[in-house]
Protein backbone atom coordinates (compact mmCIF):
# COMPACT_ATOMS: atom_id res chain seq x y z
CA MET A 1 -32.16 3.87 -143.12
CA ASN A 2 -30.95 7.48 -143.48
CA GLY A 3 -32.48 10.47 -141.70
CA ASN A 4 -34.64 11.59 -144.64
CA ASN A 5 -36.19 8.14 -145.07
CA LYS A 6 -36.93 7.89 -141.33
CA PHE A 7 -38.67 11.23 -141.46
CA ILE A 8 -40.83 10.21 -144.46
CA VAL A 9 -41.81 6.92 -142.77
CA SER A 10 -42.79 8.78 -139.58
CA ILE A 11 -44.97 11.18 -141.53
CA LEU A 12 -46.69 8.33 -143.42
CA GLY A 13 -47.29 6.51 -140.11
CA ILE A 14 -48.98 9.53 -138.55
CA ILE A 15 -51.20 10.00 -141.62
CA ALA A 16 -52.21 6.32 -141.58
CA LEU A 17 -53.04 6.45 -137.87
CA TYR A 18 -55.16 9.54 -138.41
CA ILE A 19 -57.13 7.90 -141.25
CA ILE A 20 -57.77 4.79 -139.14
CA THR A 21 -58.96 6.88 -136.24
CA ILE A 22 -61.46 9.01 -138.16
CA THR A 23 -62.87 6.04 -140.08
CA THR A 24 -63.50 3.94 -137.00
CA THR A 25 -65.19 6.56 -134.85
CA VAL A 26 -68.68 5.48 -133.86
CA GLY A 27 -71.26 7.64 -132.08
CA ILE A 28 -73.54 5.79 -129.79
CA THR A 29 -76.52 7.54 -128.29
CA LYS A 30 -79.12 6.23 -125.95
CA GLU A 31 -82.24 8.17 -125.06
CA ILE A 32 -83.19 7.86 -121.43
CA GLY A 33 -86.42 9.03 -119.89
CA LYS A 34 -88.09 11.04 -122.64
CA THR A 35 -90.90 11.95 -120.37
CA ASN A 36 -91.36 15.54 -119.45
CA VAL A 37 -95.08 15.76 -119.25
CA THR A 38 -96.91 18.04 -116.89
CA SER A 39 -99.83 16.58 -115.02
CA GLU A 40 -102.50 19.24 -114.98
CA ILE A 41 -105.35 18.27 -112.73
CA LYS A 42 -108.11 20.63 -111.72
CA VAL A 43 -108.27 20.82 -107.99
CA LYS A 44 -111.62 20.78 -106.26
CA GLU A 45 -112.63 24.02 -104.60
CA VAL A 46 -113.38 23.70 -100.91
CA ALA A 47 -114.87 26.00 -98.32
CA ILE A 48 -111.78 27.88 -97.22
CA GLU A 49 -109.98 29.86 -99.92
CA ARG A 50 -106.23 29.85 -99.73
CA GLU A 51 -103.42 30.67 -102.09
CA LYS A 52 -100.70 28.17 -102.89
CA GLU A 53 -97.74 27.97 -105.21
CA GLN A 54 -96.46 25.07 -107.32
CA GLU A 55 -94.40 24.17 -110.37
CA GLN A 56 -94.48 21.65 -113.18
CA VAL A 57 -94.37 18.03 -112.04
CA LEU A 58 -92.34 15.59 -114.06
CA PRO A 59 -93.88 12.13 -113.63
CA LEU A 60 -91.88 9.03 -114.39
CA LYS A 61 -93.20 6.31 -116.64
CA GLU A 62 -91.33 3.22 -117.73
CA ILE A 63 -87.93 4.85 -117.75
CA LYS A 64 -84.56 4.26 -116.18
CA VAL A 65 -83.59 7.81 -115.37
CA ALA A 66 -85.48 11.06 -115.79
CA GLU A 67 -84.21 12.96 -118.81
CA LYS A 68 -82.05 15.98 -118.15
CA PRO A 69 -84.23 19.00 -118.98
CA SER A 70 -83.23 21.75 -121.35
CA LYS A 71 -81.77 24.72 -119.55
CA LYS A 72 -84.43 27.11 -118.39
CA ASN A 73 -84.29 30.64 -117.07
CA TYR A 74 -85.53 30.30 -113.50
CA ALA A 75 -86.03 33.02 -110.92
CA TYR A 76 -87.47 33.17 -107.40
CA THR A 77 -89.98 35.51 -105.84
CA ILE A 78 -88.57 37.90 -103.27
CA ASN A 79 -91.66 39.12 -101.43
CA TYR A 80 -94.01 37.28 -99.10
CA LYS A 81 -96.87 38.16 -101.43
CA THR A 82 -95.65 38.84 -104.95
CA PRO A 83 -98.39 40.18 -107.25
CA ILE A 84 -98.90 38.71 -110.72
CA TYR A 85 -100.39 40.93 -113.42
CA SER A 86 -102.23 40.10 -116.62
CA GLU A 87 -100.18 42.63 -118.60
CA PRO A 88 -97.03 44.62 -117.88
CA ASN A 89 -97.65 48.00 -116.28
CA SER A 90 -101.22 46.92 -115.63
CA ASN A 91 -103.25 47.70 -112.52
CA THR A 92 -105.07 44.40 -112.86
CA GLN A 93 -103.63 41.86 -110.45
CA LYS A 94 -104.60 38.31 -111.44
CA ASP A 95 -102.72 36.26 -108.88
CA SER A 96 -100.05 36.30 -106.19
CA LEU A 97 -97.19 34.04 -105.08
CA LYS A 98 -95.49 33.46 -101.77
CA LYS A 99 -91.81 34.06 -101.14
CA ALA A 100 -89.21 31.73 -102.71
CA VAL A 101 -91.50 30.35 -105.41
CA ARG A 102 -89.69 29.28 -108.56
CA VAL A 103 -90.92 30.73 -111.86
CA GLU A 104 -89.65 30.29 -115.42
CA VAL A 105 -88.89 33.57 -117.16
CA LEU A 106 -90.13 33.56 -120.76
CA GLU A 107 -89.72 37.17 -121.78
CA GLU A 108 -88.43 40.51 -120.51
CA LYS A 109 -89.92 43.83 -121.37
CA VAL A 110 -89.22 47.49 -120.64
CA ILE A 111 -92.22 49.75 -120.59
CA GLU A 112 -91.63 53.44 -121.25
CA THR A 113 -94.34 55.73 -119.97
CA PRO A 114 -94.33 59.46 -120.74
CA LYS A 115 -95.11 61.60 -117.70
CA GLU A 116 -95.71 65.33 -117.80
CA VAL A 117 -94.32 67.40 -114.94
CA LYS A 118 -94.34 71.12 -114.23
CA VAL A 119 -90.89 72.67 -113.90
CA LYS A 120 -90.34 76.10 -112.39
CA LYS A 121 -88.22 78.41 -114.53
CA ASP A 122 -85.81 81.11 -113.36
CA ASP A 123 -88.37 83.82 -114.05
CA GLY A 124 -90.88 82.19 -111.73
CA THR A 125 -93.10 80.80 -114.45
CA TYR A 126 -93.71 77.13 -115.11
CA GLU A 127 -93.38 74.99 -118.16
CA VAL A 128 -94.44 71.44 -118.80
CA GLU A 129 -91.77 68.89 -119.48
CA THR A 130 -92.25 65.30 -120.56
CA ASN A 131 -90.17 62.70 -118.76
CA ILE A 132 -89.95 59.05 -119.68
CA GLU A 133 -90.44 56.61 -116.82
CA LYS A 134 -89.21 53.07 -117.34
CA SER A 135 -90.57 49.98 -115.64
CA PHE A 136 -89.05 46.54 -116.02
CA TRP A 137 -91.15 43.40 -116.32
CA LYS A 138 -90.81 39.66 -116.83
CA ARG A 139 -93.37 37.32 -118.31
CA VAL A 140 -93.30 34.10 -116.32
CA VAL A 141 -94.91 30.69 -116.20
CA TYR A 142 -95.37 28.91 -112.88
CA GLY A 143 -97.36 26.12 -111.30
CA LYS A 144 -100.04 26.73 -108.73
CA ASN A 145 -102.84 24.52 -107.42
CA ASN A 146 -102.13 21.89 -110.09
CA GLU A 147 -102.37 24.38 -112.93
CA ASN A 148 -99.76 25.95 -115.18
CA ARG A 149 -100.29 29.69 -115.03
CA GLU A 150 -98.76 32.67 -116.79
CA GLY A 151 -98.45 36.34 -115.98
CA TRP A 152 -96.20 39.34 -115.57
CA ILE A 153 -94.03 40.18 -112.55
CA ARG A 154 -91.99 43.29 -111.88
CA THR A 155 -88.32 42.49 -112.39
CA GLY A 156 -87.48 43.87 -108.97
CA SER A 157 -89.68 41.21 -107.36
CA LEU A 158 -87.47 38.39 -108.63
CA THR A 159 -83.95 37.08 -108.04
CA GLU A 160 -81.97 34.37 -109.79
CA ASP A 161 -80.21 33.46 -106.55
CA ILE A 162 -82.35 31.11 -104.46
CA HIS A 163 -80.17 31.66 -101.42
CA LYS A 164 -81.38 35.27 -101.23
CA VAL A 165 -84.93 34.15 -100.47
CA ILE A 166 -84.49 31.10 -98.23
CA PRO A 167 -83.42 30.84 -94.57
CA SER A 168 -79.76 31.47 -93.81
CA ASN A 169 -79.17 27.96 -92.44
CA LEU A 170 -79.66 26.68 -96.01
CA LYS A 171 -76.70 28.62 -97.39
CA ASN A 172 -74.58 25.47 -97.86
CA ILE A 173 -77.37 23.37 -99.36
CA ASP A 174 -76.74 21.85 -102.76
CA PHE A 175 -79.88 22.37 -104.84
CA THR A 176 -78.55 20.52 -107.88
CA PRO A 177 -81.55 18.55 -109.27
CA VAL A 178 -81.41 14.83 -108.45
CA PRO A 179 -83.00 12.73 -111.22
CA LYS A 180 -85.25 9.94 -109.98
CA LYS A 181 -84.67 6.43 -111.25
CA GLU A 182 -87.06 3.62 -111.92
CA TYR A 183 -85.67 0.11 -111.83
CA PRO A 184 -87.13 -2.41 -114.31
CA ASN A 185 -86.56 -5.24 -111.84
CA ASN A 186 -88.25 -3.27 -109.07
CA PRO A 187 -91.18 -1.47 -110.69
CA LYS A 188 -92.90 1.30 -108.80
CA VAL A 189 -96.50 0.86 -107.73
CA ASP A 190 -99.20 3.18 -106.45
CA VAL A 191 -98.69 2.27 -102.82
CA LYS A 192 -101.65 1.85 -100.47
CA GLY A 193 -99.79 0.71 -97.38
CA ILE A 194 -100.13 -0.06 -93.70
CA TYR A 195 -97.54 0.11 -90.91
CA LEU A 196 -96.50 -3.07 -89.04
CA THR A 197 -94.48 -3.26 -85.84
CA VAL A 198 -91.84 -5.87 -85.15
CA ASN A 199 -94.28 -7.77 -82.95
CA THR A 200 -96.97 -7.84 -85.62
CA ALA A 201 -94.47 -9.02 -88.22
CA ALA A 202 -93.38 -11.82 -85.86
CA SER A 203 -96.94 -13.15 -85.48
CA SER A 204 -97.86 -15.61 -88.22
CA LYS A 205 -101.52 -15.28 -87.29
CA ARG A 206 -101.51 -11.48 -87.55
CA MET A 207 -99.58 -11.56 -90.80
CA ASP A 208 -102.09 -13.99 -92.31
CA GLU A 209 -104.94 -11.70 -91.20
CA LEU A 210 -103.31 -8.65 -92.75
CA ILE A 211 -102.49 -10.46 -95.98
CA ASP A 212 -106.15 -11.46 -96.17
CA LEU A 213 -107.11 -7.84 -95.52
CA ALA A 214 -104.91 -6.78 -98.42
CA LYS A 215 -106.65 -9.26 -100.69
CA ARG A 216 -110.08 -7.87 -99.76
CA THR A 217 -109.16 -4.21 -99.99
CA GLY A 218 -106.89 -1.92 -101.96
CA ILE A 219 -103.98 -2.43 -99.54
CA ASN A 220 -100.90 -3.57 -101.48
CA ALA A 221 -97.92 -2.57 -99.33
CA PHE A 222 -96.56 -3.19 -95.81
CA VAL A 223 -94.23 -0.77 -94.04
CA ILE A 224 -92.36 -3.06 -91.62
CA ASP A 225 -90.07 -2.09 -88.76
CA VAL A 226 -86.60 -3.38 -89.64
CA LYS A 227 -84.86 -1.08 -87.13
CA GLU A 228 -87.44 0.32 -84.76
CA ASP A 229 -87.63 3.26 -82.35
CA PHE A 230 -85.57 1.56 -79.64
CA GLY A 231 -82.95 0.28 -82.08
CA LYS A 232 -84.21 -3.30 -82.03
CA MET A 233 -83.82 -5.31 -85.23
CA LEU A 234 -86.36 -7.41 -87.13
CA PHE A 235 -83.81 -10.02 -88.20
CA ARG A 236 -80.17 -10.87 -87.70
CA THR A 237 -77.79 -8.58 -89.59
CA ASP A 238 -74.05 -8.36 -90.04
CA ALA A 239 -74.39 -4.60 -89.58
CA GLU A 240 -75.49 -4.97 -85.97
CA LEU A 241 -72.53 -7.21 -85.20
CA LYS A 242 -70.09 -4.78 -86.86
CA TYR A 243 -71.40 -1.51 -85.44
CA LEU A 244 -72.75 -2.63 -82.06
CA GLY A 245 -70.36 -5.50 -81.48
CA LYS A 246 -73.03 -8.11 -80.86
CA ASN A 247 -76.02 -10.02 -82.19
CA ASP A 248 -79.01 -11.08 -80.12
CA LYS A 249 -79.63 -14.75 -79.50
CA LYS A 250 -83.09 -14.54 -81.03
CA TYR A 251 -84.83 -12.19 -83.43
CA PRO A 252 -88.54 -11.67 -84.17
CA ILE A 253 -88.01 -13.14 -87.65
CA ALA A 254 -85.72 -16.16 -87.60
CA ASP A 255 -85.98 -16.90 -91.32
CA ILE A 256 -86.11 -13.60 -93.17
CA ASN A 257 -86.00 -15.23 -96.60
CA ALA A 258 -89.12 -17.31 -95.92
CA PHE A 259 -90.80 -14.23 -94.44
CA MET A 260 -90.10 -12.15 -97.57
CA LYS A 261 -91.11 -14.96 -99.92
CA LYS A 262 -94.55 -15.16 -98.34
CA LEU A 263 -95.07 -11.44 -98.85
CA LYS A 264 -93.83 -11.56 -102.44
CA ASP A 265 -96.06 -14.57 -103.18
CA ASN A 266 -99.01 -12.47 -102.07
CA ASN A 267 -97.99 -9.45 -104.18
CA ILE A 268 -97.14 -7.23 -101.23
CA TYR A 269 -94.82 -4.29 -101.95
CA THR A 270 -92.39 -4.25 -99.04
CA ILE A 271 -91.01 -1.14 -97.34
CA ALA A 272 -88.30 -1.40 -94.66
CA ARG A 273 -88.76 1.26 -91.98
CA ILE A 274 -85.44 2.28 -90.46
CA VAL A 275 -85.49 4.74 -87.57
CA SER A 276 -82.50 6.96 -88.16
CA PHE A 277 -81.48 9.08 -85.18
CA LYS A 278 -83.68 7.94 -82.33
CA ASP A 279 -81.71 4.90 -81.14
CA PRO A 280 -81.07 4.19 -77.45
CA THR A 281 -79.49 0.84 -78.30
CA TYR A 282 -76.78 2.48 -80.40
CA ALA A 283 -76.40 5.25 -77.79
CA GLY A 284 -75.83 2.61 -75.13
CA LYS A 285 -72.88 1.25 -77.10
CA HIS A 286 -71.65 4.69 -78.15
CA PRO A 287 -72.57 7.12 -75.33
CA ASP A 288 -70.20 9.73 -76.75
CA LYS A 289 -72.49 9.99 -79.81
CA ALA A 290 -75.69 10.84 -77.92
CA ILE A 291 -77.18 14.31 -77.84
CA ILE A 292 -76.58 15.63 -74.33
CA LYS A 293 -77.77 18.45 -72.11
CA ARG A 294 -75.04 21.06 -71.72
CA ALA A 295 -75.89 21.74 -68.09
CA THR A 296 -75.68 18.14 -66.87
CA GLY A 297 -73.88 16.19 -69.57
CA LYS A 298 -76.70 13.64 -69.49
CA PRO A 299 -78.35 12.27 -72.65
CA PHE A 300 -81.30 14.27 -73.96
CA THR A 301 -84.67 12.57 -74.23
CA ASN A 302 -88.09 13.71 -75.34
CA SER A 303 -91.14 13.13 -73.16
CA ASP A 304 -91.04 9.44 -74.15
CA GLY A 305 -87.69 9.00 -72.44
CA VAL A 306 -85.97 7.65 -75.55
CA ILE A 307 -82.37 8.75 -76.15
CA TRP A 308 -81.42 10.48 -79.38
CA VAL A 309 -78.11 10.10 -81.19
CA SER A 310 -76.53 13.07 -82.95
CA PRO A 311 -77.62 13.21 -86.60
CA HIS A 312 -74.09 14.54 -87.28
CA ASP A 313 -72.60 11.12 -86.37
CA ARG A 314 -71.21 9.59 -89.56
CA TYR A 315 -70.68 6.23 -87.90
CA LEU A 316 -74.42 6.00 -87.26
CA TRP A 317 -75.00 6.92 -90.90
CA GLU A 318 -72.89 3.95 -91.90
CA TYR A 319 -74.77 1.66 -89.52
CA ASN A 320 -78.22 2.73 -90.73
CA VAL A 321 -77.26 2.37 -94.38
CA ALA A 322 -75.58 -0.99 -93.74
CA VAL A 323 -78.86 -2.21 -92.24
CA ALA A 324 -80.70 -0.78 -95.25
CA LYS A 325 -78.41 -2.65 -97.62
CA GLU A 326 -79.16 -5.95 -95.91
CA ALA A 327 -82.87 -5.21 -96.07
CA ALA A 328 -82.56 -4.50 -99.78
CA LYS A 329 -80.62 -7.71 -100.36
CA VAL A 330 -83.32 -9.86 -98.77
CA GLY A 331 -85.92 -8.32 -101.05
CA PHE A 332 -87.38 -5.12 -99.64
CA ASN A 333 -88.51 -2.85 -102.48
CA GLU A 334 -87.97 0.36 -100.59
CA ILE A 335 -86.10 1.80 -97.62
CA GLN A 336 -88.04 4.31 -95.55
CA PHE A 337 -86.00 6.50 -93.21
CA ASP A 338 -88.04 7.67 -90.25
CA TYR A 339 -86.93 10.17 -87.60
CA VAL A 340 -84.67 11.59 -90.27
CA ARG A 341 -84.47 14.80 -88.28
CA PHE A 342 -83.23 16.45 -85.13
CA PRO A 343 -85.41 16.11 -82.02
CA ALA A 344 -88.25 18.56 -81.67
CA SER A 345 -86.77 21.53 -79.86
CA ASN A 346 -89.63 24.02 -79.74
CA GLY A 347 -88.65 25.62 -83.02
CA GLY A 348 -84.97 25.57 -82.13
CA LYS A 349 -85.37 27.20 -78.71
CA LEU A 350 -83.71 24.23 -77.00
CA ASP A 351 -80.62 24.44 -79.20
CA LYS A 352 -78.69 26.52 -76.65
CA GLU A 353 -79.33 23.88 -74.01
CA LEU A 354 -78.24 20.89 -76.08
CA ASP A 355 -74.92 19.66 -77.38
CA TYR A 356 -75.55 18.05 -80.76
CA ARG A 357 -71.88 17.11 -81.10
CA ASN A 358 -71.69 19.18 -84.25
CA PHE A 359 -67.94 19.03 -84.81
CA ASN A 360 -68.23 19.99 -88.49
CA GLY A 361 -70.21 23.15 -87.87
CA GLU A 362 -73.07 22.07 -90.14
CA SER A 363 -76.59 23.43 -90.09
CA LYS A 364 -79.40 20.98 -89.38
CA PRO A 365 -80.78 20.94 -92.95
CA GLU A 366 -77.23 20.52 -94.31
CA THR A 367 -76.65 17.43 -92.18
CA ILE A 368 -79.99 15.86 -93.12
CA GLN A 369 -79.28 16.45 -96.81
CA LYS A 370 -75.82 14.91 -96.59
CA TYR A 371 -77.23 11.87 -94.78
CA LEU A 372 -79.83 11.29 -97.50
CA LYS A 373 -77.29 11.89 -100.26
CA TYR A 374 -75.01 9.31 -98.67
CA ALA A 375 -77.87 6.82 -98.37
CA ARG A 376 -78.91 7.28 -101.98
CA LYS A 377 -75.36 6.84 -103.28
CA GLU A 378 -74.86 3.65 -101.29
CA LEU A 379 -78.25 2.11 -102.02
CA GLU A 380 -78.64 2.93 -105.73
CA PRO A 381 -76.53 -0.06 -106.89
CA LEU A 382 -79.03 -2.34 -105.12
CA GLU A 383 -81.92 -0.87 -107.14
CA VAL A 384 -83.99 -0.03 -104.08
CA TYR A 385 -86.03 3.14 -103.65
CA ILE A 386 -85.58 5.45 -100.69
CA SER A 387 -88.21 7.48 -98.90
CA ALA A 388 -88.31 9.77 -95.89
CA ASP A 389 -90.92 10.55 -93.28
CA ILE A 390 -91.30 14.21 -92.33
CA TYR A 391 -93.50 16.32 -90.06
CA GLY A 392 -96.78 17.09 -91.76
CA GLN A 393 -96.41 20.83 -91.11
CA VAL A 394 -93.09 21.05 -92.98
CA ALA A 395 -94.89 21.69 -96.26
CA SER A 396 -96.61 24.74 -94.80
CA SER A 397 -93.53 26.12 -93.04
CA GLY A 398 -91.10 28.59 -94.55
CA ASP A 399 -88.18 27.10 -92.60
CA ASP A 400 -86.97 23.75 -91.31
CA MET A 401 -89.01 24.00 -88.08
CA GLY A 402 -85.82 23.50 -86.10
CA LEU A 403 -85.87 19.86 -87.24
CA GLY A 404 -83.54 20.04 -90.24
CA GLN A 405 -86.50 19.21 -92.48
CA TYR A 406 -86.88 21.75 -95.30
CA TRP A 407 -89.32 20.50 -97.94
CA GLU A 408 -87.35 21.20 -101.10
CA VAL A 409 -84.13 19.81 -99.62
CA ILE A 410 -85.64 16.44 -98.75
CA SER A 411 -87.97 16.13 -101.74
CA ASN A 412 -85.00 16.67 -104.05
CA GLU A 413 -83.03 13.80 -102.50
CA VAL A 414 -85.55 10.96 -102.04
CA ASP A 415 -87.86 9.01 -104.34
CA MET A 416 -90.88 9.34 -102.08
CA ILE A 417 -91.65 11.84 -99.35
CA SER A 418 -94.17 10.97 -96.64
CA PRO A 419 -95.55 13.83 -94.57
CA MET A 420 -97.11 12.55 -91.35
CA ALA A 421 -100.35 14.38 -92.05
CA TYR A 422 -102.46 13.12 -89.17
CA PRO A 423 -105.31 15.61 -88.64
CA SER A 424 -105.04 15.09 -84.86
CA HIS A 425 -101.54 16.56 -84.95
CA TYR A 426 -102.65 19.99 -86.23
CA GLY A 427 -103.54 22.74 -83.80
CA LYS A 428 -106.80 24.62 -83.55
CA GLY A 429 -107.36 27.09 -86.33
CA VAL A 430 -104.75 25.70 -88.72
CA TYR A 431 -105.89 26.27 -92.32
CA GLY A 432 -108.88 28.08 -90.81
CA ILE A 433 -110.24 24.82 -89.39
CA ALA A 434 -111.51 24.98 -85.81
CA VAL A 435 -110.70 21.34 -84.99
CA PRO A 436 -108.55 19.73 -87.74
CA ASP A 437 -109.08 16.24 -86.28
CA ALA A 438 -112.81 16.64 -86.93
CA GLU A 439 -112.24 17.70 -90.56
CA PRO A 440 -110.08 14.96 -92.11
CA TYR A 441 -110.81 15.90 -95.73
CA LYS A 442 -110.01 19.60 -95.39
CA THR A 443 -106.94 19.05 -93.23
CA ILE A 444 -105.38 16.50 -95.57
CA TYR A 445 -106.33 18.58 -98.61
CA TYR A 446 -104.73 21.79 -97.43
CA THR A 447 -101.56 20.36 -95.92
CA THR A 448 -100.96 18.19 -98.99
CA LEU A 449 -101.66 21.03 -101.38
CA ASP A 450 -98.87 22.98 -99.70
CA GLY A 451 -96.58 20.04 -100.45
CA VAL A 452 -97.77 19.82 -104.04
CA ASN A 453 -97.02 23.49 -104.52
CA ARG A 454 -93.61 23.20 -102.85
CA ASN A 455 -92.74 20.31 -105.15
CA HIS A 456 -93.13 22.64 -108.09
CA ASN A 457 -90.02 24.48 -106.98
CA LEU A 458 -88.03 21.40 -108.02
CA THR A 459 -87.05 19.90 -111.36
CA TYR A 460 -87.21 16.31 -110.06
CA PRO A 461 -89.50 16.29 -107.04
CA SER A 462 -90.21 13.17 -105.06
CA GLN A 463 -93.56 11.41 -105.16
CA ILE A 464 -95.79 12.64 -102.33
CA ARG A 465 -97.14 9.71 -100.32
CA PRO A 466 -98.64 10.97 -97.06
CA TRP A 467 -99.18 9.07 -93.84
CA LEU A 468 -102.89 9.13 -92.99
CA GLN A 469 -104.57 8.76 -89.62
CA ALA A 470 -106.00 5.29 -88.94
CA PHE A 471 -106.56 5.77 -85.22
CA THR A 472 -108.84 7.77 -82.94
CA ALA A 473 -107.15 10.63 -81.07
CA LYS A 474 -109.17 10.70 -77.85
CA TRP A 475 -106.76 13.20 -76.28
CA VAL A 476 -107.80 15.93 -78.75
CA LYS A 477 -110.57 18.20 -77.56
CA GLY A 478 -113.37 17.93 -80.08
CA TYR A 479 -112.02 14.71 -81.61
CA ILE A 480 -114.11 12.37 -83.69
CA PRO A 481 -113.86 8.56 -83.85
CA TYR A 482 -111.95 7.42 -86.93
CA GLY A 483 -113.26 4.60 -89.09
CA LYS A 484 -113.74 3.73 -92.73
CA LYS A 485 -115.55 7.00 -93.48
CA GLU A 486 -112.73 9.15 -92.09
CA ILE A 487 -110.06 7.16 -93.90
CA GLU A 488 -111.97 7.47 -97.16
CA ALA A 489 -112.28 11.23 -96.62
CA GLN A 490 -108.50 11.52 -96.31
CA VAL A 491 -107.93 9.36 -99.37
CA LYS A 492 -110.46 11.45 -101.32
CA ALA A 493 -108.56 14.62 -100.46
CA LEU A 494 -105.41 13.11 -101.95
CA GLU A 495 -107.21 11.92 -105.06
CA ASP A 496 -108.62 15.40 -105.61
CA LEU A 497 -105.02 16.59 -105.75
CA GLY A 498 -103.99 13.88 -108.21
CA ILE A 499 -102.22 11.74 -105.58
CA HIS A 500 -103.01 8.04 -105.56
CA GLU A 501 -100.64 6.79 -102.90
CA TYR A 502 -100.91 6.76 -99.12
CA LEU A 503 -99.83 4.98 -95.95
CA LEU A 504 -102.08 4.25 -92.97
CA TRP A 505 -100.68 4.65 -89.47
CA SER A 506 -102.13 2.76 -86.54
CA PRO A 507 -99.71 2.33 -83.61
CA SER A 508 -101.64 -0.77 -82.54
CA ASN A 509 -101.75 -2.09 -86.13
CA ARG A 510 -105.53 -2.45 -85.97
CA TYR A 511 -106.69 -1.93 -89.53
CA GLY A 512 -110.16 -3.41 -89.41
CA ILE A 513 -111.45 0.18 -89.69
CA VAL A 514 -110.40 0.09 -93.33
CA GLU A 515 -113.48 -2.04 -93.93
CA LYS A 516 -115.98 -0.75 -91.37
């Protein structure tokens, strides 16, 4: 074949390949999560008037992944009390927002206002000149107190950069929205749960009693210690052997499969509680990972004497998540990370005295976020949900309280967020309540409303599922006994905010007060 013929054949081959390609192209599209509905629920007015901020909530229905929203023009309030006006250049203030509240900008407007001023001339006389003053405004929509509201804000009161209005230790935080999944083989439920210790779980008699309690009441979920406060395990795991170098001879639950089957047969939604960074057992095997006092080099403990491990320790991350994976594989519906924080340090005042072994130079919130991101990435393939317990006051705090717990950071990463909203844990005068323990409805209402409003700063917020008080706090001055009435008051506060999930905490696991 001569050169000309080879050239012609090559050209024909290219044309043929092009025709085949364009005629066999197929576009396949699959809609996922076409739910973007705002739940607008009128909140019930209560005695003490307070102002809160919130944004649109995107509830999940029977979907696999929340749909990626259309791009919106968001901005954040700069001032601690940003006024909202009914009209631009108006003197009528209709509302106000706290600092760092997210709003959606719908429209921008420049208002030109003529203003007459007297100007002195060279000859000493005056003449009137008309100047044009310009003011810049933005029409915004925002969520507050479970309502979508609209108004006008001065442009100078807003910024598009969230990092300009949040604490400096959040500068490295990734605020990319994290869509929440729902797994068809692990459907979500409106959880009404109770907490069970390892010892309770190991008692067949107690478990039968609690299952019967669930049948008689609205209880439908058990939060069970899988890795508890002292690092002890509920059942034998390969993770413990790998990361601690040993397994115990006996475990509270010898046959975890039979244990889980019984719960499933009785329609109990199961949540594996895994204590993250409070672990003296792990610290005993890895003393170089424990938080220590700089002055003595000895491990740091709180008043309970329990040793804490550095939340910066990636090896502990691996261990906790490995335990979580085994819990998911035996059938737990959800992994709940407790003590997912740094130890209470009096608002960070103890930080100079402690060595957190922070070799990467990370801030506390940054480390907590990375831990939860890692857990989510590793656990997603097992189709198990993840949740996190946080201090109840985090929702009302403008910073991370020295714990590494900043509301928007954690709510963005997990499926469910559980503030420990025990009224007995709030100081006198909080929310204007003399003794919060004696006012369970108001205390739960106000602290949860702060969380609801904080969630509206996120595109994909977690479901709020608070821990409620199911015990009597006799150490609180002015306390009241807690029983069915007080539990119902707390639940009612949540329902008035459109929240239908909760967890009951009783350290002794005595839940008879649910019924009397």
